[in-house]
């Protein structure tokens, strides 16, 4: 049994920037929308979340770009909570 509190947020599809978290989760999953009518995700939105993760000690997992386009090298991060 784990004694630590674990929280996460899944921000997918990411359809806009997130400026701040009231309580930063331990793990944040970010991804773009897939499918024929997928709406675009600006990779800078994910970079901002990554910066917040680094500032607050949270893990970051980038799942995919819009329509599974190639992931920029600086966002190819797949951290796990443990």
N, C-alpha and C. Protein backbone atom coordinates (compact mmCIF):
# COMPACT_ATOMS: atom_id res chain seq x y z
N UNK A 1 0.84 -1.18 0.00
CA UNK A 1 0.00 0.00 0.00
C UNK A 1 0.88 1.24 0.00
N UNK A 2 0.54 2.18 -0.85
CA UNK A 2 1.29 3.42 -0.91
C UNK A 2 0.81 4.38 0.16
N UNK A 3 1.75 5.05 0.81
CA UNK A 3 1.39 6.01 1.83
C UNK A 3 1.37 7.44 1.32
N UNK A 4 1.89 7.66 0.10
CA UNK A 4 1.99 9.00 -0.44
C UNK A 4 0.73 9.37 -1.21
N UNK A 5 0.41 10.64 -1.18
CA UNK A 5 -0.72 11.16 -1.96
C UNK A 5 -0.26 11.31 -3.41
N UNK A 6 -1.09 10.86 -4.34
CA UNK A 6 -0.77 10.93 -5.76
C UNK A 6 -1.93 11.58 -6.49
N UNK A 7 -1.62 12.62 -7.27
CA UNK A 7 -2.65 13.28 -8.07
C UNK A 7 -2.13 13.44 -9.50
N UNK A 8 -3.05 13.48 -10.46
CA UNK A 8 -2.63 13.71 -11.84
C UNK A 8 -3.72 14.46 -12.59
N UNK A 9 -3.29 15.04 -13.71
CA UNK A 9 -4.22 15.71 -14.61
C UNK A 9 -3.91 15.26 -16.02
N UNK A 10 -4.94 14.96 -16.77
CA UNK A 10 -4.79 14.60 -18.17
C UNK A 10 -5.36 15.74 -19.00
N UNK A 11 -4.48 16.42 -19.73
CA UNK A 11 -4.89 17.57 -20.54
C UNK A 11 -4.80 17.14 -22.00
N UNK A 12 -5.80 16.37 -22.41
CA UNK A 12 -5.85 15.89 -23.79
C UNK A 12 -7.29 15.67 -24.21
N UNK A 13 -7.69 16.25 -25.28
CA UNK A 13 -6.87 17.10 -26.12
C UNK A 13 -6.65 18.47 -25.50
N UNK A 14 -5.45 18.98 -25.68
CA UNK A 14 -5.12 20.32 -25.19
C UNK A 14 -5.58 21.31 -26.24
N UNK A 15 -6.59 22.10 -25.91
CA UNK A 15 -7.20 23.01 -26.88
C UNK A 15 -6.90 24.48 -26.61
N UNK A 16 -6.08 24.73 -25.59
CA UNK A 16 -5.71 26.11 -25.27
C UNK A 16 -4.69 26.11 -24.16
N UNK A 17 -4.10 27.26 -23.89
CA UNK A 17 -3.08 27.34 -22.84
C UNK A 17 -3.68 27.21 -21.45
N UNK A 18 -2.85 26.76 -20.53
CA UNK A 18 -3.23 26.70 -19.12
C UNK A 18 -2.26 27.61 -18.39
N UNK A 19 -2.77 28.66 -17.77
CA UNK A 19 -1.87 29.64 -17.17
C UNK A 19 -1.37 29.22 -15.79
N UNK A 20 -2.26 28.73 -14.95
CA UNK A 20 -1.83 28.33 -13.61
C UNK A 20 -2.70 27.20 -13.09
N UNK A 21 -2.16 26.47 -12.13
CA UNK A 21 -2.90 25.41 -11.44
C UNK A 21 -3.17 25.89 -10.02
N UNK A 22 -4.34 25.60 -9.50
CA UNK A 22 -4.60 25.93 -8.10
C UNK A 22 -3.72 25.05 -7.19
N UNK A 23 -3.70 23.76 -7.48
CA UNK A 23 -2.83 22.81 -6.79
C UNK A 23 -2.19 21.96 -7.88
N UNK A 24 -0.89 22.10 -8.06
CA UNK A 24 -0.22 21.36 -9.13
C UNK A 24 -0.28 19.86 -8.86
N UNK A 25 -0.79 19.07 -9.80
CA UNK A 25 -0.79 17.62 -9.64
C UNK A 25 0.65 17.08 -9.64
N UNK A 26 0.82 15.83 -9.17
CA UNK A 26 2.13 15.18 -9.18
C UNK A 26 2.56 14.79 -10.59
N UNK A 27 1.58 14.55 -11.46
CA UNK A 27 1.86 14.05 -12.81
C UNK A 27 0.88 14.70 -13.76
N UNK A 28 1.38 15.23 -14.88
CA UNK A 28 0.52 15.88 -15.87
C UNK A 28 0.78 15.25 -17.23
N UNK A 29 -0.30 14.79 -17.86
CA UNK A 29 -0.25 14.19 -19.18
C UNK A 29 -0.84 15.20 -20.16
N UNK A 30 -0.11 15.47 -21.24
CA UNK A 30 -0.53 16.46 -22.23
C UNK A 30 -0.53 15.81 -23.61
N UNK A 31 -1.51 16.17 -24.43
CA UNK A 31 -1.54 15.63 -25.78
C UNK A 31 -2.48 16.40 -26.68
N UNK A 32 -2.20 16.29 -27.97
CA UNK A 32 -3.05 16.89 -28.99
C UNK A 32 -4.16 15.94 -29.39
N UNK A 33 -5.12 16.48 -30.10
CA UNK A 33 -6.27 15.70 -30.54
C UNK A 33 -5.92 14.90 -31.79
N UNK A 34 -6.49 13.72 -31.91
CA UNK A 34 -6.27 12.90 -33.11
C UNK A 34 -7.59 12.80 -33.88
N UNK A 35 -7.52 12.26 -35.07
CA UNK A 35 -8.73 12.09 -35.88
C UNK A 35 -8.80 13.08 -37.02
N UNK A 36 -9.72 12.82 -37.91
CA UNK A 36 -9.84 13.61 -39.14
C UNK A 36 -10.18 15.08 -38.88
N UNK A 37 -10.94 15.37 -37.85
CA UNK A 37 -11.37 16.74 -37.58
C UNK A 37 -10.68 17.33 -36.35
N UNK A 38 -9.45 16.86 -36.08
CA UNK A 38 -8.72 17.30 -34.90
C UNK A 38 -8.43 18.79 -34.95
N UNK A 39 -8.60 19.42 -33.79
CA UNK A 39 -8.28 20.84 -33.66
C UNK A 39 -6.79 20.97 -33.31
N UNK A 40 -6.18 22.04 -33.77
CA UNK A 40 -4.73 22.21 -33.62
C UNK A 40 -4.34 22.54 -32.18
N UNK A 41 -3.19 22.03 -31.79
CA UNK A 41 -2.59 22.33 -30.50
C UNK A 41 -1.27 23.04 -30.76
N UNK A 42 -1.08 24.16 -30.12
CA UNK A 42 0.18 24.90 -30.22
C UNK A 42 1.19 24.24 -29.27
N UNK A 43 2.34 23.78 -29.76
CA UNK A 43 3.30 23.13 -28.86
C UNK A 43 3.79 24.05 -27.75
N UNK A 44 3.69 25.36 -27.93
CA UNK A 44 4.08 26.27 -26.85
C UNK A 44 3.18 26.14 -25.63
N UNK A 45 1.93 25.74 -25.83
CA UNK A 45 1.04 25.50 -24.69
C UNK A 45 1.60 24.37 -23.83
N UNK A 46 2.06 23.31 -24.48
CA UNK A 46 2.65 22.18 -23.75
C UNK A 46 3.96 22.60 -23.09
N UNK A 47 4.74 23.43 -23.77
CA UNK A 47 6.00 23.91 -23.17
C UNK A 47 5.75 24.69 -21.90
N UNK A 48 4.67 25.48 -21.89
CA UNK A 48 4.32 26.23 -20.68
C UNK A 48 3.96 25.28 -19.54
N UNK A 49 3.22 24.21 -19.84
CA UNK A 49 2.89 23.22 -18.81
C UNK A 49 4.17 22.54 -18.32
N UNK A 50 5.07 22.22 -19.22
CA UNK A 50 6.35 21.62 -18.85
C UNK A 50 7.11 22.53 -17.89
N UNK A 51 7.16 23.81 -18.17
CA UNK A 51 7.83 24.76 -17.28
C UNK A 51 7.20 24.75 -15.90
N UNK A 52 5.85 24.72 -15.86
CA UNK A 52 5.16 24.67 -14.56
C UNK A 52 5.51 23.38 -13.82
N UNK A 53 5.61 22.28 -14.55
CA UNK A 53 5.99 21.01 -13.92
C UNK A 53 7.38 21.11 -13.31
N UNK A 54 8.31 21.67 -14.05
CA UNK A 54 9.69 21.80 -13.56
C UNK A 54 9.75 22.70 -12.33
N UNK A 55 8.97 23.77 -12.34
CA UNK A 55 8.95 24.70 -11.21
C UNK A 55 8.36 24.06 -9.96
N UNK A 56 7.34 23.21 -10.15
CA UNK A 56 6.61 22.66 -9.01
C UNK A 56 6.94 21.21 -8.69
N UNK A 57 7.93 20.63 -9.37
CA UNK A 57 8.36 19.27 -9.06
C UNK A 57 7.42 18.18 -9.54
N UNK A 58 6.59 18.48 -10.54
CA UNK A 58 5.66 17.49 -11.07
C UNK A 58 6.29 16.75 -12.24
N UNK A 59 5.82 15.55 -12.50
CA UNK A 59 6.26 14.76 -13.65
C UNK A 59 5.44 15.17 -14.87
N UNK A 60 6.06 15.05 -16.06
CA UNK A 60 5.44 15.49 -17.31
C UNK A 60 5.48 14.34 -18.31
N UNK A 61 4.35 14.10 -18.96
CA UNK A 61 4.26 13.05 -19.98
C UNK A 61 3.59 13.65 -21.19
N UNK A 62 4.32 13.72 -22.31
CA UNK A 62 3.73 14.24 -23.54
C UNK A 62 3.31 13.06 -24.40
N UNK A 63 2.04 12.99 -24.69
CA UNK A 63 1.49 11.82 -25.38
C UNK A 63 1.61 11.91 -26.90
N UNK A 64 1.07 13.00 -27.50
CA UNK A 64 1.10 13.12 -28.96
C UNK A 64 0.78 14.53 -29.39
N UNK A 65 1.22 14.86 -30.61
CA UNK A 65 0.85 16.12 -31.24
C UNK A 65 -0.49 15.92 -31.94
N UNK A 66 -1.08 17.02 -32.41
CA UNK A 66 -2.32 16.95 -33.17
C UNK A 66 -2.14 16.04 -34.38
N UNK A 67 -3.13 15.17 -34.58
CA UNK A 67 -3.14 14.21 -35.69
C UNK A 67 -1.87 13.36 -35.73
N UNK A 68 -1.28 13.16 -34.55
CA UNK A 68 -0.08 12.33 -34.40
C UNK A 68 1.09 12.80 -35.25
N UNK A 69 1.19 14.12 -35.41
CA UNK A 69 2.34 14.72 -36.10
C UNK A 69 3.59 14.43 -35.25
N UNK A 70 4.78 14.55 -35.84
CA UNK A 70 6.00 14.31 -35.06
C UNK A 70 6.08 15.22 -33.83
N UNK A 71 6.55 14.66 -32.74
CA UNK A 71 6.70 15.40 -31.49
C UNK A 71 8.01 16.17 -31.53
N UNK A 72 8.00 17.48 -31.22
CA UNK A 72 9.25 18.22 -31.15
C UNK A 72 10.19 17.58 -30.11
N UNK A 73 11.49 17.60 -30.40
CA UNK A 73 12.47 16.95 -29.52
C UNK A 73 12.37 17.42 -28.07
N UNK A 74 12.14 18.72 -27.86
CA UNK A 74 12.10 19.22 -26.48
C UNK A 74 10.85 18.79 -25.72
N UNK A 75 9.85 18.25 -26.42
CA UNK A 75 8.64 17.78 -25.75
C UNK A 75 8.56 16.26 -25.69
N UNK A 76 9.53 15.57 -26.23
CA UNK A 76 9.53 14.11 -26.20
C UNK A 76 9.96 13.64 -24.81
N UNK A 77 9.06 13.87 -23.87
CA UNK A 77 9.29 13.56 -22.46
C UNK A 77 8.17 12.65 -22.01
N UNK A 78 8.53 11.51 -21.45
CA UNK A 78 7.53 10.53 -21.03
C UNK A 78 7.85 10.07 -19.61
N UNK A 79 7.75 11.01 -18.68
CA UNK A 79 8.03 10.70 -17.29
C UNK A 79 6.86 9.95 -16.67
N UNK A 80 7.17 9.09 -15.74
CA UNK A 80 6.17 8.34 -14.98
C UNK A 80 6.15 8.87 -13.55
N UNK A 81 5.07 8.66 -12.85
CA UNK A 81 4.98 9.21 -11.49
C UNK A 81 5.88 8.50 -10.47
N UNK A 82 6.32 7.31 -10.75
CA UNK A 82 7.15 6.58 -9.76
C UNK A 82 8.45 6.16 -10.38
